[in-house]
Every structure is written in C-alpha cells, then in structure tokens.
C-alpha cells in the first residue's frame, strides 16, 4: 500500500541571477523542476516545477527571501502523486498514517491484510 499526496504545478518568473535561490528552495521542499525557459525578448526566465502541497506553506516567503524578492510564483493543483517510501517501514509515513487515523476517529493500529481477505 502507498499514500497519495496532492501536487501543485508552480510557475516561477524570475531573472537569471535569481535561479540558484529558486533551485535551493525547491530542493528543500521536495520540488521537482519540470522545465526552464527564457521568456522571448526579456531577461526573465520561467521555471515550471512540481511541488507537494504539504510543502507549499510558506513557499512564497522563502522564495522571495532566497531571491531578494525577484521571484514571482503562481501555483495551481496539477495531480496526485505516490509518496516515496513504504507505509510499513518508513517512520514519517507511519506517523502520517497514524495521525490521519486518529483525526478520523479510527483505531490507531493499522489493520493487517488478513482482515480484508475473503474468509469463505
């Protein structure tokens, strides 16, 4: 089994000298750059990247701080993606599953597969 998470498509407009700061912020937040192209007739670049929505809180502030206010992001929901790791062994995913089960009022223990198998 795995966990799915929502992902933004982030489009960031910036001058060339700000690109290093953008890559640093994206790497810290599990972002993945999809494309990078120069806007024709201008010194501006457009970077398109995927960013997990859970990592997006405070993203604009960090981005502006890392680029001296020269980066301008726009985000839109794009898709759902499978989270890296195994729900049975990865401590972060186990913690996430337990917190979701608690929030929904379910028993905290994760049920085993045999609970769902047909017993005829």
PDB file of N, CA and C in Angstrom:
ATOM      1  N   UNK A   1       0.828  -1.196   0.000  1.00  0.00           N
ATOM      2  CA  UNK A   1       0.000   0.000   0.000  1.00  0.00           C
ATOM      3  C   UNK A   1       0.869   1.255   0.000  1.00  0.00           C
ATOM      4  N   UNK A   2       0.320   2.320  -0.483  1.00  0.00           N
ATOM      5  CA  UNK A   2       1.044   3.582  -0.514  1.00  0.00           C
ATOM      6  C   UNK A   2       0.118   4.745  -0.229  1.00  0.00           C
ATOM      7  N   UNK A   3       0.706   5.885   0.037  1.00  0.00           N
ATOM      8  CA  UNK A   3      -0.057   7.107   0.279  1.00  0.00           C
ATOM      9  C   UNK A   3       0.079   8.030  -0.919  1.00  0.00           C
ATOM     10  N   UNK A   4      -1.028   8.658  -1.291  1.00  0.00           N
ATOM     11  CA  UNK A   4      -1.021   9.634  -2.375  1.00  0.00           C
ATOM     12  C   UNK A   4      -1.053  11.026  -1.755  1.00  0.00           C
ATOM     13  N   UNK A   5      -0.400  11.987  -2.439  1.00  0.00           N
ATOM     14  CA  UNK A   5      -0.429  13.367  -1.971  1.00  0.00           C
ATOM     15  C   UNK A   5      -0.717  14.292  -3.148  1.00  0.00           C
ATOM     16  N   UNK A   6      -1.422  15.411  -2.897  1.00  0.00           N
ATOM     17  CA  UNK A   6      -1.703  16.366  -3.966  1.00  0.00           C
ATOM     18  C   UNK A   6      -0.447  17.166  -4.301  1.00  0.00           C
ATOM     19  N   UNK A   7      -0.318  17.539  -5.586  1.00  0.00           N
ATOM     20  CA  UNK A   7       0.879  18.229  -6.060  1.00  0.00           C
ATOM     21  C   UNK A   7       0.479  19.454  -6.879  1.00  0.00           C
ATOM     22  N   UNK A   8       1.139  20.582  -6.602  1.00  0.00           N
ATOM     23  CA  UNK A   8       0.968  21.812  -7.383  1.00  0.00           C
ATOM     24  C   UNK A   8       1.899  21.807  -8.587  1.00  0.00           C
ATOM     25  N   UNK A   9       1.468  22.462  -9.664  1.00  0.00           N
ATOM     26  CA  UNK A   9       2.371  22.886 -10.724  1.00  0.00           C
ATOM     27  C   UNK A   9       2.665  24.346 -10.412  1.00  0.00           C
ATOM     28  N   UNK A  10       3.930  24.660 -10.142  1.00  0.00           N
ATOM     29  CA  UNK A  10       4.334  26.016  -9.783  1.00  0.00           C
ATOM     30  C   UNK A  10       5.078  26.621 -10.967  1.00  0.00           C
ATOM     31  N   UNK A  11       4.650  27.813 -11.379  1.00  0.00           N
ATOM     32  CA  UNK A  11       5.325  28.539 -12.449  1.00  0.00           C
ATOM     33  C   UNK A  11       5.972  29.767 -11.818  1.00  0.00           C
ATOM     34  N   UNK A  12       7.293  29.842 -11.903  1.00  0.00           N
ATOM     35  CA  UNK A  12       8.045  30.913 -11.248  1.00  0.00           C
ATOM     36  C   UNK A  12       8.708  31.774 -12.312  1.00  0.00           C
ATOM     37  N   UNK A  13       8.432  33.078 -12.270  1.00  0.00           N
ATOM     38  CA  UNK A  13       9.053  34.032 -13.185  1.00  0.00           C
ATOM     39  C   UNK A  13      10.146  34.765 -12.425  1.00  0.00           C
ATOM     40  N   UNK A  14      11.357  34.829 -13.027  1.00  0.00           N
ATOM     41  CA  UNK A  14      12.488  35.439 -12.333  1.00  0.00           C
ATOM     42  C   UNK A  14      13.586  35.816 -13.322  1.00  0.00           C
ATOM     43  N   UNK A  15      14.497  36.724 -12.919  1.00  0.00           N
ATOM     44  CA  UNK A  15      15.692  36.982 -13.734  1.00  0.00           C
ATOM     45  C   UNK A  15      16.704  35.847 -13.536  1.00  0.00           C
ATOM     46  N   UNK A  16      17.675  35.767 -14.436  1.00  0.00           N
ATOM     47  CA  UNK A  16      18.636  34.658 -14.413  1.00  0.00           C
ATOM     48  C   UNK A  16      19.409  34.573 -13.102  1.00  0.00           C
ATOM     49  N   UNK A  17      19.788  35.711 -12.518  1.00  0.00           N
ATOM     50  CA  UNK A  17      20.606  35.686 -11.299  1.00  0.00           C
ATOM     51  C   UNK A  17      19.845  35.147 -10.085  1.00  0.00           C
ATOM     52  N   UNK A  18      18.523  35.028 -10.169  1.00  0.00           N
ATOM     53  CA  UNK A  18      17.735  34.520  -9.039  1.00  0.00           C
ATOM     54  C   UNK A  18      17.500  33.016  -9.116  1.00  0.00           C
ATOM     55  N   UNK A  19      17.926  32.379 -10.183  1.00  0.00           N
ATOM     56  CA  UNK A  19      17.599  30.965 -10.392  1.00  0.00           C
ATOM     57  C   UNK A  19      18.245  30.033  -9.369  1.00  0.00           C
ATOM     58  N   UNK A  20      19.437  30.340  -8.911  1.00  0.00           N
ATOM     59  CA  UNK A  20      20.099  29.500  -7.912  1.00  0.00           C
ATOM     60  C   UNK A  20      19.296  29.411  -6.625  1.00  0.00           C
ATOM     61  N   UNK A  21      18.770  30.540  -6.174  1.00  0.00           N
ATOM     62  CA  UNK A  21      17.951  30.559  -4.964  1.00  0.00           C
ATOM     63  C   UNK A  21      16.673  29.759  -5.121  1.00  0.00           C
ATOM     64  N   UNK A  22      16.101  29.804  -6.317  1.00  0.00           N
ATOM     65  CA  UNK A  22      14.866  29.059  -6.584  1.00  0.00           C
ATOM     66  C   UNK A  22      15.120  27.557  -6.492  1.00  0.00           C
ATOM     67  N   UNK A  23      16.198  27.108  -7.117  1.00  0.00           N
ATOM     68  CA  UNK A  23      16.519  25.679  -7.071  1.00  0.00           C
ATOM     69  C   UNK A  23      16.776  25.220  -5.638  1.00  0.00           C
ATOM     70  N   UNK A  24      17.421  26.055  -4.839  1.00  0.00           N
ATOM     71  CA  UNK A  24      17.677  25.709  -3.444  1.00  0.00           C
ATOM     72  C   UNK A  24      16.393  25.529  -2.649  1.00  0.00           C
ATOM     73  N   UNK A  25      15.445  26.459  -2.827  1.00  0.00           N
ATOM     74  CA  UNK A  25      14.173  26.372  -2.102  1.00  0.00           C
ATOM     75  C   UNK A  25      13.372  25.154  -2.571  1.00  0.00           C
ATOM     76  N   UNK A  26      13.345  24.917  -3.877  1.00  0.00           N
ATOM     77  CA  UNK A  26      12.613  23.754  -4.392  1.00  0.00           C
ATOM     78  C   UNK A  26      13.202  22.446  -3.869  1.00  0.00           C
ATOM     79  N   UNK A  27      14.525  22.346  -3.831  1.00  0.00           N
ATOM     80  CA  UNK A  27      15.163  21.120  -3.335  1.00  0.00           C
ATOM     81  C   UNK A  27      14.843  20.868  -1.871  1.00  0.00           C
ATOM     82  N   UNK A  28      14.803  21.933  -1.062  1.00  0.00           N
ATOM     83  CA  UNK A  28      14.476  21.792   0.359  1.00  0.00           C
ATOM     84  C   UNK A  28      13.055  21.292   0.570  1.00  0.00           C
ATOM     85  N   UNK A  29      12.183  21.566  -0.387  1.00  0.00           N
ATOM     86  CA  UNK A  29      10.760  21.261  -0.232  1.00  0.00           C
ATOM     87  C   UNK A  29      10.281  20.123  -1.131  1.00  0.00           C
ATOM     88  N   UNK A  30      11.166  19.256  -1.541  1.00  0.00           N
ATOM     89  CA  UNK A  30      10.842  18.106  -2.384  1.00  0.00           C
ATOM     90  C   UNK A  30      10.257  18.494  -3.736  1.00  0.00           C
ATOM     91  N   UNK A  31      10.606  19.690  -4.225  1.00  0.00           N
ATOM     92  CA  UNK A  31      10.127  20.127  -5.530  1.00  0.00           C
ATOM     93  C   UNK A  31      10.931  19.498  -6.650  1.00  0.00           C
ATOM     94  N   UNK A  32      10.300  19.323  -7.807  1.00  0.00           N
ATOM     95  CA  UNK A  32      10.967  18.747  -8.974  1.00  0.00           C
ATOM     96  C   UNK A  32      10.774  19.690 -10.156  1.00  0.00           C
ATOM     97  N   UNK A  33      11.879  20.197 -10.699  1.00  0.00           N
ATOM     98  CA  UNK A  33      11.805  21.110 -11.833  1.00  0.00           C
ATOM     99  C   UNK A  33      11.390  20.329 -13.073  1.00  0.00           C
ATOM    100  N   UNK A  34      10.390  20.859 -13.760  1.00  0.00           N
ATOM    101  CA  UNK A  34       9.856  20.230 -14.959  1.00  0.00           C
ATOM    102  C   UNK A  34      10.437  20.866 -16.221  1.00  0.00           C
ATOM    103  N   UNK A  35      10.546  22.200 -16.235  1.00  0.00           N
ATOM    104  CA  UNK A  35      11.118  22.891 -17.392  1.00  0.00           C
ATOM    105  C   UNK A  35      11.649  24.256 -16.975  1.00  0.00           C
ATOM    106  N   UNK A  36      12.524  24.763 -17.812  1.00  0.00           N
ATOM    107  CA  UNK A  36      13.128  26.082 -17.587  1.00  0.00           C
ATOM    108  C   UNK A  36      13.320  26.703 -18.968  1.00  0.00           C
ATOM    109  N   UNK A  37      12.728  27.871 -19.183  1.00  0.00           N
ATOM    110  CA  UNK A  37      12.862  28.518 -20.488  1.00  0.00           C
ATOM    111  C   UNK A  37      12.892  30.030 -20.334  1.00  0.00           C
ATOM    112  N   UNK A  38      13.560  30.682 -21.258  1.00  0.00           N
ATOM    113  CA  UNK A  38      13.633  32.141 -21.223  1.00  0.00           C
ATOM    114  C   UNK A  38      12.426  32.711 -21.950  1.00  0.00           C
ATOM    115  N   UNK A  39      11.843  33.739 -21.351  1.00  0.00           N
ATOM    116  CA  UNK A  39      10.722  34.420 -21.984  1.00  0.00           C
ATOM    117  C   UNK A  39      11.274  35.234 -23.151  1.00  0.00           C
ATOM    118  N   UNK A  40      10.804  35.011 -24.370  1.00  0.00           N
ATOM    119  CA  UNK A  40      11.370  35.691 -25.547  1.00  0.00           C
ATOM    120  C   UNK A  40      11.321  37.218 -25.428  1.00  0.00           C
ATOM    121  N   UNK A  41      12.454  37.844 -25.743  1.00  0.00           N
ATOM    122  CA  UNK A  41      12.537  39.302 -25.751  1.00  0.00           C
ATOM    123  C   UNK A  41      12.695  39.949 -24.394  1.00  0.00           C
ATOM    124  N   UNK A  42      12.883  39.135 -23.342  1.00  0.00           N
ATOM    125  CA  UNK A  42      13.053  39.689 -21.995  1.00  0.00           C
ATOM    126  C   UNK A  42      14.210  38.971 -21.306  1.00  0.00           C
ATOM    127  N   UNK A  43      14.715  39.552 -20.219  1.00  0.00           N
ATOM    128  CA  UNK A  43      15.766  38.860 -19.453  1.00  0.00           C
ATOM    129  C   UNK A  43      15.186  37.879 -18.420  1.00  0.00           C
ATOM    130  N   UNK A  44      13.884  37.633 -18.488  1.00  0.00           N
ATOM    131  CA  UNK A  44      13.219  36.787 -17.495  1.00  0.00           C
ATOM    132  C   UNK A  44      13.163  35.328 -17.924  1.00  0.00           C
ATOM    133  N   UNK A  45      13.204  34.458 -16.927  1.00  0.00           N
ATOM    134  CA  UNK A  45      13.082  33.018 -17.141  1.00  0.00           C
ATOM    135  C   UNK A  45      11.802  32.530 -16.473  1.00  0.00           C
ATOM    136  N   UNK A  46      11.244  31.470 -17.024  1.00  0.00           N
ATOM    137  CA  UNK A  46      10.073  30.830 -16.429  1.00  0.00           C
ATOM    138  C   UNK A  46      10.471  29.404 -16.059  1.00  0.00           C
ATOM    139  N   UNK A  47      10.373  29.104 -14.773  1.00  0.00           N
ATOM    140  CA  UNK A  47      10.677  27.764 -14.267  1.00  0.00           C
ATOM    141  C   UNK A  47       9.353  27.112 -13.891  1.00  0.00           C
ATOM    142  N   UNK A  48       9.113  25.919 -14.415  1.00  0.00           N
ATOM    143  CA  UNK A  48       7.924  25.157 -14.053  1.00  0.00           C
ATOM    144  C   UNK A  48       8.382  23.962 -13.230  1.00  0.00           C
ATOM    145  N   UNK A  49       7.739  23.775 -12.087  1.00  0.00           N
ATOM    146  CA  UNK A  49       8.142  22.698 -11.180  1.00  0.00           C
ATOM    147  C   UNK A  49       6.917  22.104 -10.500  1.00  0.00           C
ATOM    148  N   UNK A  50       7.066  20.865 -10.057  1.00  0.00           N
ATOM    149  CA  UNK A  50       6.037  20.212  -9.255  1.00  0.00           C
ATOM    150  C   UNK A  50       6.426  20.352  -7.791  1.00  0.00           C
ATOM    151  N   UNK A  51       5.447  20.725  -6.958  1.00  0.00           N
ATOM    152  CA  UNK A  51       5.688  20.934  -5.532  1.00  0.00           C
ATOM    153  C   UNK A  51       4.555  20.291  -4.736  1.00  0.00           C
ATOM    154  N   UNK A  52       4.877  19.343  -3.834  1.00  0.00           N
ATOM    155  CA  UNK A  52       3.822  18.769  -2.989  1.00  0.00           C
ATOM    156  C   UNK A  52       3.127  19.876  -2.193  1.00  0.00           C
ATOM    157  N   UNK A  53       1.813  19.837  -2.158  1.00  0.00           N
ATOM    158  CA  UNK A  53       1.051  20.891  -1.487  1.00  0.00           C
ATOM    159  C   UNK A  53       1.421  20.973  -0.011  1.00  0.00           C
ATOM    160  N   UNK A  54       1.733  19.850   0.619  1.00  0.00           N
ATOM    161  CA  UNK A  54       2.129  19.862   2.032  1.00  0.00           C
ATOM    162  C   UNK A  54       3.398  20.677   2.256  1.00  0.00           C
ATOM    163  N   UNK A  55       4.227  20.822   1.227  1.00  0.00           N
ATOM    164  CA  UNK A  55       5.483  21.576   1.328  1.00  0.00           C
ATOM    165  C   UNK A  55       5.320  23.027   0.880  1.00  0.00           C
ATOM    166  N   UNK A  56       4.111  23.419   0.475  1.00  0.00           N
ATOM    167  CA  UNK A  56       3.925  24.744  -0.125  1.00  0.00           C
ATOM    168  C   UNK A  56       3.668  25.857   0.887  1.00  0.00           C
ATOM    169  N   UNK A  57       3.374  25.514   2.127  1.00  0.00           N
ATOM    170  CA  UNK A  57       3.067  26.540   3.114  1.00  0.00           C
ATOM    171  C   UNK A  57       4.333  27.317   3.466  1.00  0.00           C
ATOM    172  N   UNK A  58       4.323  28.631   3.229  1.00  0.00           N
ATOM    173  CA  UNK A  58       5.494  29.470   3.450  1.00  0.00           C
ATOM    174  C   UNK A  58       6.442  29.491   2.267  1.00  0.00           C
ATOM    175  N   UNK A  59       6.064  28.838   1.166  1.00  0.00           N
ATOM    176  CA  UNK A  59       6.934  28.734  -0.012  1.00  0.00           C
ATOM    177  C   UNK A  59       7.243  30.105  -0.614  1.00  0.00           C
ATOM    178  N   UNK A  60       6.228  30.938  -0.789  1.00  0.00           N
ATOM    179  CA  UNK A  60       6.440  32.248  -1.413  1.00  0.00           C
ATOM    180  C   UNK A  60       7.398  33.096  -0.591  1.00  0.00           C
ATOM    181  N   UNK A  61       7.239  33.109   0.723  1.00  0.00           N
ATOM    182  CA  UNK A  61       8.136  33.877   1.584  1.00  0.00           C
ATOM    183  C   UNK A  61       9.573  33.397   1.498  1.00  0.00           C
ATOM    184  N   UNK A  62       9.766  32.074   1.544  1.00  0.00           N
ATOM    185  CA  UNK A  62      11.119  31.514   1.426  1.00  0.00           C
ATOM    186  C   UNK A  62      11.727  31.823   0.069  1.00  0.00           C
ATOM    187  N   UNK A  63      10.900  31.753  -0.968  1.00  0.00           N
ATOM    188  CA  UNK A  63      11.368  32.022  -2.324  1.00  0.00           C
ATOM    189  C   UNK A  63      11.794  33.479  -2.473  1.00  0.00           C
ATOM    190  N   UNK A  64      10.986  34.380  -1.966  1.00  0.00           N
ATOM    191  CA  UNK A  64      11.326  35.806  -2.062  1.00  0.00           C
ATOM    192  C   UNK A  64      12.575  36.123  -1.246  1.00  0.00           C
ATOM    193  N   UNK A  65      12.725  35.483  -0.091  1.00  0.00           N
ATOM    194  CA  UNK A  65      13.907  35.704   0.736  1.00  0.00           C
ATOM    195  C   UNK A  65      15.160  35.179   0.039  1.00  0.00           C
ATOM    196  N   UNK A  66      15.068  34.023  -0.596  1.00  0.00           N
ATOM    197  CA  UNK A  66      16.230  33.413  -1.254  1.00  0.00           C
ATOM    198  C   UNK A  66      16.631  34.143  -2.530  1.00  0.00           C
ATOM    199  N   UNK A  67      15.696  34.910  -3.109  1.00  0.00           N
ATOM    200  CA  UNK A  67      15.981  35.586  -4.379  1.00  0.00           C
ATOM    201  C   UNK A  67      15.983  37.099  -4.258  1.00  0.00           C
ATOM    202  N   UNK A  68      15.916  37.614  -3.058  1.00  0.00           N
ATOM    203  CA  UNK A  68      15.879  39.065  -2.871  1.00  0.00           C
ATOM    204  C   UNK A  68      14.612  39.686  -3.436  1.00  0.00           C
ATOM    205  N   UNK A  69      13.507  38.952  -3.410  1.00  0.00           N
ATOM    206  CA  UNK A  69      12.226  39.468  -3.886  1.00  0.00           C
ATOM    207  C   UNK A  69      12.079  39.465  -5.400  1.00  0.00           C
ATOM    208  N   UNK A  70      12.939  38.744  -6.109  1.00  0.00           N
ATOM    209  CA  UNK A  70      12.907  38.775  -7.573  1.00  0.00           C
ATOM    210  C   UNK A  70      12.129  37.627  -8.203  1.00  0.00           C
ATOM    211  N   UNK A  71      11.628  36.693  -7.422  1.00  0.00           N
ATOM    212  CA  UNK A  71      10.895  35.549  -7.967  1.00  0.00           C
ATOM    213  C   UNK A  71       9.406  35.699  -7.673  1.00  0.00           C
ATOM    214  N   UNK A  72       8.592  35.372  -8.671  1.00  0.00           N
ATOM    215  CA  UNK A  72       7.145  35.519  -8.550  1.00  0.00           C
ATOM    216  C   UNK A  72       6.463  34.201  -8.924  1.00  0.00           C
ATOM    217  N   UNK A  73       6.015  33.429  -7.917  1.00  0.00           N
ATOM    218  CA  UNK A  73       5.414  32.120  -8.191  1.00  0.00           C
ATOM    219  C   UNK A  73       3.898  32.188  -8.387  1.00  0.00           C
ATOM    220  N   UNK A  74       3.396  31.281  -9.199  1.00  0.00           N
ATOM    221  CA  UNK A  74       1.960  31.043  -9.343  1.00  0.00           C
ATOM    222  C   UNK A  74       1.759  29.540  -9.233  1.00  0.00           C
ATOM    223  N   UNK A  75       0.796  29.126  -8.410  1.00  0.00           N
ATOM    224  CA  UNK A  75       0.586  27.697  -8.167  1.00  0.00           C
ATOM    225  C   UNK A  75      -0.825  27.292  -8.561  1.00  0.00           C
ATOM    226  N   UNK A  76      -0.945  26.088  -9.106  1.00  0.00           N
ATOM    227  CA  UNK A  76      -2.250  25.523  -9.435  1.00  0.00           C
ATOM    228  C   UNK A  76      -2.168  24.010  -9.212  1.00  0.00           C
ATOM    229  N   UNK A  77      -3.258  23.427  -8.693  1.00  0.00           N
ATOM    230  CA  UNK A  77      -3.271  21.976  -8.491  1.00  0.00           C
ATOM    231  C   UNK A  77      -3.046  21.293  -9.829  1.00  0.00           C
ATOM    232  N   UNK A  78      -2.197  20.245  -9.837  1.00  0.00           N
ATOM    233  CA  UNK A  78      -1.907  19.548 -11.087  1.00  0.00           C
ATOM    234  C   UNK A  78      -2.281  18.065 -11.040  1.00  0.00           C
ATOM    235  N   UNK A  79      -1.863  17.348 -10.000  1.00  0.00           N
ATOM    236  CA  UNK A  79      -2.120  15.911  -9.964  1.00  0.00           C
ATOM    237  C   UNK A  79      -1.888  15.347  -8.564  1.00  0.00           C
ATOM    238  N   UNK A  80      -2.207  14.075  -8.419  1.00  0.00           N
ATOM    239  CA  UNK A  80      -1.896  13.313  -7.212  1.00  0.00           C
ATOM    240  C   UNK A  80      -0.684  12.453  -7.519  1.00  0.00           C
ATOM    241  N   UNK A  81       0.206  12.292  -6.535  1.00  0.00           N
ATOM    242  CA  UNK A  81       1.419  11.507  -6.746  1.00  0.00           C
ATOM    243  C   UNK A  81       1.642  10.578  -5.555  1.00  0.00           C
ATOM    244  N   UNK A  82       2.232   9.433  -5.820  1.00  0.00           N
ATOM    245  CA  UNK A  82       2.551   8.471  -4.771  1.00  0.00           C
ATOM    246  C   UNK A  82       3.722   8.994  -3.943  1.00  0.00           C
ATOM    247  N   UNK A  83       3.568   9.002  -2.616  1.00  0.00           N
ATOM    248  CA  UNK A  83       4.653   9.457  -1.745  1.00  0.00           C
ATOM    249  C   UNK A  83       5.772   8.421  -1.735  1.00  0.00           C
ATOM    250  N   UNK A  84       7.011   8.891  -1.664  1.00  0.00           N
ATOM    251  CA  UNK A  84       8.161   7.986  -1.597  1.00  0.00           C
ATOM    252  C   UNK A  84       8.187   7.284  -0.247  1.00  0.00           C
ATOM    253  N   UNK A  85       8.540   6.018  -0.259  1.00  0.00           N
ATOM    254  CA  UNK A  85       8.655   5.270   0.988  1.00  0.00           C
ATOM    255  C   UNK A  85       7.581   4.202   1.097  1.00  0.00           C
ATOM    256  N   UNK A  86       7.703   3.397   2.134  1.00  0.00           N
ATOM    257  CA  UNK A  86       6.787   2.293   2.388  1.00  0.00           C
ATOM    258  C   UNK A  86       6.019   2.574   3.670  1.00  0.00           C
ATOM    259  N   UNK A  87       4.713   2.459   3.618  1.00  0.00           N
ATOM    260  CA  UNK A  87       3.869   2.736   4.790  1.00  0.00           C
ATOM    261  C   UNK A  87       4.150   1.800   5.960  1.00  0.00           C
ATOM    262  N   UNK A  88       4.789   0.668   5.696  1.00  0.00           N
ATOM    263  CA  UNK A  88       5.066  -0.299   6.758  1.00  0.00           C
ATOM    264  C   UNK A  88       6.401  -0.056   7.449  1.00  0.00           C
ATOM    265  N   UNK A  89       7.352   0.604   6.762  1.00  0.00           N
ATOM    266  CA  UNK A  89       8.699   0.732   7.326  1.00  0.00           C
ATOM    267  C   UNK A  89       9.190   2.168   7.478  1.00  0.00           C
ATOM    268  N   UNK A  90       8.685   3.107   6.709  1.00  0.00           N
ATOM    269  CA  UNK A  90       9.154   4.498   6.759  1.00  0.00           C
ATOM    270  C   UNK A  90       8.524   5.214   7.958  1.00  0.00           C
ATOM    271  N   UNK A  91       9.340   5.667   8.928  1.00  0.00           N
ATOM    272  CA  UNK A  91       8.784   6.296  10.139  1.00  0.00           C
ATOM    273  C   UNK A  91       7.921   7.528   9.853  1.00  0.00           C
ATOM    274  N   UNK A  92       8.293   8.336   8.857  1.00  0.00           N
ATOM    275  CA  UNK A  92       7.496   9.531   8.540  1.00  0.00           C
ATOM    276  C   UNK A  92       6.118   9.150   8.009  1.00  0.00           C
ATOM    277  N   UNK A  93       6.077   8.143   7.145  1.00  0.00           N
ATOM    278  CA  UNK A  93       4.787   7.716   6.600  1.00  0.00           C
ATOM    279  C   UNK A  93       3.935   7.026   7.660  1.00  0.00           C
ATOM    280  N   UNK A  94       4.570   6.248   8.528  1.00  0.00           N
ATOM    281  CA  UNK A  94       3.825   5.603   9.615  1.00  0.00           C
ATOM    282  C   UNK A  94       3.193   6.668  10.507  1.00  0.00           C
ATOM    283  N   UNK A  95       3.967   7.700  10.836  1.00  0.00           N
ATOM    284  CA  UNK A  95       3.444   8.792  11.664  1.00  0.00           C
ATOM    285  C   UNK A  95       2.280   9.493  10.968  1.00  0.00           C
ATOM    286  N   UNK A  96       2.399   9.711   9.664  1.00  0.00           N
ATOM    287  CA  UNK A  96       1.340  10.358   8.884  1.00  0.00           C
ATOM    288  C   UNK A  96       0.071   9.502   8.902  1.00  0.00           C
ATOM    289  N   UNK A  97       0.221   8.192   8.684  1.00  0.00           N
ATOM    290  CA  UNK A  97      -0.929   7.281   8.687  1.00  0.00           C
ATOM    291  C   UNK A  97      -1.604   7.291  10.056  1.00  0.00           C
ATOM    292  N   UNK A  98      -0.817   7.219  11.119  1.00  0.00           N
ATOM    293  CA  UNK A  98      -1.391   7.206  12.470  1.00  0.00           C
ATOM    294  C   UNK A  98      -2.125   8.503  12.781  1.00  0.00           C
ATOM    295  N   UNK A  99      -1.577   9.643  12.350  1.00  0.00           N
ATOM    296  CA  UNK A  99      -2.249  10.925  12.614  1.00  0.00           C
ATOM    297  C   UNK A  99      -3.556  11.032  11.824  1.00  0.00           C
ATOM    298  N   UNK A 100      -3.577  10.504  10.604  1.00  0.00           N
ATOM    299  CA  UNK A 100      -4.814  10.512   9.809  1.00  0.00           C
ATOM    300  C   UNK A 100      -5.865   9.622  10.463  1.00  0.00           C
ATOM    301  N   UNK A 101      -5.455   8.425  10.902  1.00  0.00           N
ATOM    302  CA  UNK A 101      -6.392   7.510  11.547  1.00  0.00           C
ATOM    303  C   UNK A 101      -6.956   8.128  12.830  1.00  0.00           C
ATOM    304  N   UNK A 102      -6.111   8.813  13.591  1.00  0.00           N
ATOM    305  CA  UNK A 102      -6.559   9.457  14.831  1.00  0.00           C
ATOM    306  C   UNK A 102      -7.549  10.576  14.517  1.00  0.00           C
ATOM    307  N   UNK A 103      -7.236  11.391  13.509  1.00  0.00           N
ATOM    308  CA  UNK A 103      -8.103  12.510  13.131  1.00  0.00           C
ATOM    309  C   UNK A 103      -9.478  12.012  12.680  1.00  0.00           C
ATOM    310  N   UNK A 104      -9.515  10.856  12.029  1.00  0.00           N
ATOM    311  CA  UNK A 104     -10.774  10.308  11.526  1.00  0.00           C
ATOM    312  C   UNK A 104     -11.515   9.467  12.560  1.00  0.00           C
ATOM    313  N   UNK A 105     -10.941   9.332  13.758  1.00  0.00           N
ATOM    314  CA  UNK A 105     -11.593   8.578  14.815  1.00  0.00           C
ATOM    315  C   UNK A 105     -11.493   7.069  14.645  1.00  0.00           C
ATOM    316  N   UNK A 106     -10.515   6.606  13.885  1.00  0.00           N
ATOM    317  CA  UNK A 106     -10.298   5.171  13.695  1.00  0.00           C
ATOM    318  C   UNK A 106      -9.334   4.652  14.755  1.00  0.00           C
ATOM    319  N   UNK A 107      -9.298   3.332  14.926  1.00  0.00           N
ATOM    320  CA  UNK A 107      -8.314   2.750  15.832  1.00  0.00           C
ATOM    321  C   UNK A 107      -6.926   3.081  15.304  1.00  0.00           C
ATOM    322  N   UNK A 108      -6.016   3.410  16.206  1.00  0.00           N
ATOM    323  CA  UNK A 108      -4.680   3.817  15.767  1.00  0.00           C
ATOM    324  C   UNK A 108      -3.892   2.686  15.134  1.00  0.00           C
ATOM    325  N   UNK A 109      -4.143   1.452  15.574  1.00  0.00           N
ATOM    326  CA  UNK A 109      -3.382   0.340  14.998  1.00  0.00           C
ATOM    327  C   UNK A 109      -3.782   0.144  13.532  1.00  0.00           C
ATOM    328  N   UNK A 110      -2.790  -0.090  12.705  1.00  0.00           N
ATOM    329  CA  UNK A 110      -3.037  -0.283  11.282  1.00  0.00           C
ATOM    330  C   UNK A 110      -3.486  -1.725  11.080  1.00  0.00           C
ATOM    331  N   UNK A 111      -4.661  -1.940  10.469  1.00  0.00           N
ATOM    332  CA  UNK A 111      -5.151  -3.307  10.296  1.00  0.00           C
ATOM    333  C   UNK A 111      -4.254  -4.113   9.358  1.00  0.00           C
ATOM    334  N   UNK A 112      -4.170  -5.404   9.620  1.00  0.00           N
ATOM    335  CA  UNK A 112      -3.370  -6.284   8.768  1.00  0.00           C
ATOM    336  C   UNK A 112      -4.192  -6.696   7.549  1.00  0.00           C
ATOM    337  N   UNK A 113      -3.508  -7.198   6.547  1.00  0.00           N
ATOM    338  CA  UNK A 113      -4.150  -7.575   5.293  1.00  0.00           C
ATOM    339  C   UNK A 113      -5.193  -8.671   5.484  1.00  0.00           C
ATOM    340  N   UNK A 114      -4.951  -9.613   6.387  1.00  0.00           N
ATOM    341  CA  UNK A 114      -5.891 -10.728   6.555  1.00  0.00           C
ATOM    342  C   UNK A 114      -7.273 -10.266   7.001  1.00  0.00           C
ATOM    343  N   UNK A 115      -7.374  -9.082   7.542  1.00  0.00           N
ATOM    344  CA  UNK A 115      -8.676  -8.540   7.933  1.00  0.00           C
ATOM    345  C   UNK A 115      -9.563  -8.304   6.704  1.00  0.00           C
ATOM    346  N   UNK A 116      -8.950  -8.060   5.565  1.00  0.00           N
ATOM    347  CA  UNK A 116      -9.693  -7.726   4.354  1.00  0.00           C
ATOM    348  C   UNK A 116      -9.828  -8.900   3.377  1.00  0.00           C
ATOM    349  N   UNK A 117      -9.181 -10.012   3.659  1.00  0.00           N
ATOM    350  CA  UNK A 117      -9.258 -11.159   2.765  1.00  0.00           C
ATOM    351  C   UNK A 117     -10.570 -11.911   2.965  1.00  0.00           C
ATOM    352  N   UNK A 118     -11.079 -12.472   1.894  1.00  0.00           N
ATOM    353  CA  UNK A 118     -12.317 -13.239   1.941  1.00  0.00           C
ATOM    354  C   UNK A 118     -12.098 -14.511   2.758  1.00  0.00           C
ATOM    355  N   UNK A 119     -13.005 -14.811   3.687  1.00  0.00           N
ATOM    356  CA  UNK A 119     -12.826 -15.950   4.586  1.00  0.00           C
ATOM    357  C   UNK A 119     -13.851 -17.056   4.331  1.00  0.00           C
ATOM    358  N   UNK A 120     -14.320 -17.179   3.116  1.00  0.00           N
ATOM    359  CA  UNK A 120     -15.303 -18.229   2.809  1.00  0.00           C
ATOM    360  C   UNK A 120     -14.708 -19.580   2.781  1.00  0.00           C
TER     361      UNK A 120
END
